[in-house]
């Protein structure tokens, strides 16, 4: 996520060649560890680097 502004589970799955559900769990785990923060909007769930 650091190399792009934001990322969805679909994008991470395509980049790593893993199932979308696994990508989503990885992103949520990174959020739990305060590495990422999320934006849940009508466009979908996106994760951003946590700058704080």
C-alpha atoms as a PDB file:
ATOM      1  CA  UNK A   1       0.000   0.000   0.000  1.00  0.00           C
ATOM      2  CA  UNK A   2       2.948   2.330   0.583  1.00  0.00           C
ATOM      3  CA  UNK A   3       3.740   2.501  -3.128  1.00  0.00           C
ATOM      4  CA  UNK A   4       0.184   3.562  -4.045  1.00  0.00           C
ATOM      5  CA  UNK A   5      -2.238   6.035  -2.478  1.00  0.00           C
ATOM      6  CA  UNK A   6      -4.806   3.392  -1.535  1.00  0.00           C
ATOM      7  CA  UNK A   7      -5.598  -0.235  -2.212  1.00  0.00           C
ATOM      8  CA  UNK A   8      -8.608  -2.526  -2.275  1.00  0.00           C
ATOM      9  CA  UNK A   9      -8.631  -6.235  -1.527  1.00  0.00           C
ATOM     10  CA  UNK A  10      -9.170  -6.904  -5.249  1.00  0.00           C
ATOM     11  CA  UNK A  11      -6.047  -4.946  -6.155  1.00  0.00           C
ATOM     12  CA  UNK A  12      -3.920  -6.676  -3.529  1.00  0.00           C
ATOM     13  CA  UNK A  13      -5.225 -10.084  -4.603  1.00  0.00           C
ATOM     14  CA  UNK A  14      -4.294  -9.387  -8.229  1.00  0.00           C
ATOM     15  CA  UNK A  15      -0.870  -8.058  -7.271  1.00  0.00           C
ATOM     16  CA  UNK A  16       0.014 -11.023  -5.039  1.00  0.00           C
ATOM     17  CA  UNK A  17      -1.881 -13.755  -6.905  1.00  0.00           C
ATOM     18  CA  UNK A  18      -3.931 -14.742  -3.853  1.00  0.00           C
ATOM     19  CA  UNK A  19      -7.687 -15.121  -3.272  1.00  0.00           C
ATOM     20  CA  UNK A  20      -9.580 -11.889  -2.550  1.00  0.00           C
ATOM     21  CA  UNK A  21     -10.730 -13.100   0.873  1.00  0.00           C
ATOM     22  CA  UNK A  22      -7.109 -13.739   1.905  1.00  0.00           C
ATOM     23  CA  UNK A  23      -6.104 -10.300   0.638  1.00  0.00           C
ATOM     24  CA  UNK A  24      -8.948  -8.712   2.622  1.00  0.00           C
ATOM     25  CA  UNK A  25      -7.862 -10.537   5.782  1.00  0.00           C
ATOM     26  CA  UNK A  26      -4.269  -9.361   5.292  1.00  0.00           C
ATOM     27  CA  UNK A  27      -5.426  -5.763   4.902  1.00  0.00           C
ATOM     28  CA  UNK A  28      -7.616  -6.016   8.004  1.00  0.00           C
ATOM     29  CA  UNK A  29      -4.703  -7.531   9.955  1.00  0.00           C
ATOM     30  CA  UNK A  30      -2.494  -4.617   8.893  1.00  0.00           C
ATOM     31  CA  UNK A  31      -5.238  -2.226  10.023  1.00  0.00           C
ATOM     32  CA  UNK A  32      -5.446  -4.025  13.388  1.00  0.00           C
ATOM     33  CA  UNK A  33      -1.694  -3.448  13.789  1.00  0.00           C
ATOM     34  CA  UNK A  34      -2.195   0.283  13.000  1.00  0.00           C
ATOM     35  CA  UNK A  35      -0.262   0.059   9.729  1.00  0.00           C
ATOM     36  CA  UNK A  36      -3.319   0.906   7.610  1.00  0.00           C
ATOM     37  CA  UNK A  37      -6.588   2.764   8.000  1.00  0.00           C
ATOM     38  CA  UNK A  38      -9.772   2.158   6.037  1.00  0.00           C
ATOM     39  CA  UNK A  39     -12.363   4.108   4.102  1.00  0.00           C
ATOM     40  CA  UNK A  40     -15.657   2.242   3.737  1.00  0.00           C
ATOM     41  CA  UNK A  41     -17.686   4.214   1.189  1.00  0.00           C
ATOM     42  CA  UNK A  42     -20.175   3.518  -1.587  1.00  0.00           C
ATOM     43  CA  UNK A  43     -17.196   2.837  -3.868  1.00  0.00           C
ATOM     44  CA  UNK A  44     -16.156  -0.014  -1.570  1.00  0.00           C
ATOM     45  CA  UNK A  45     -13.617  -0.725   1.126  1.00  0.00           C
ATOM     46  CA  UNK A  46     -10.208   0.864   0.536  1.00  0.00           C
ATOM     47  CA  UNK A  47      -7.140   0.902   2.749  1.00  0.00           C
ATOM     48  CA  UNK A  48      -4.629   3.735   3.123  1.00  0.00           C
ATOM     49  CA  UNK A  49      -1.277   3.986   4.901  1.00  0.00           C
ATOM     50  CA  UNK A  50      -1.793   5.108   8.503  1.00  0.00           C
ATOM     51  CA  UNK A  51       0.195   8.321   8.836  1.00  0.00           C
ATOM     52  CA  UNK A  52      -0.346   8.658  12.582  1.00  0.00           C
END
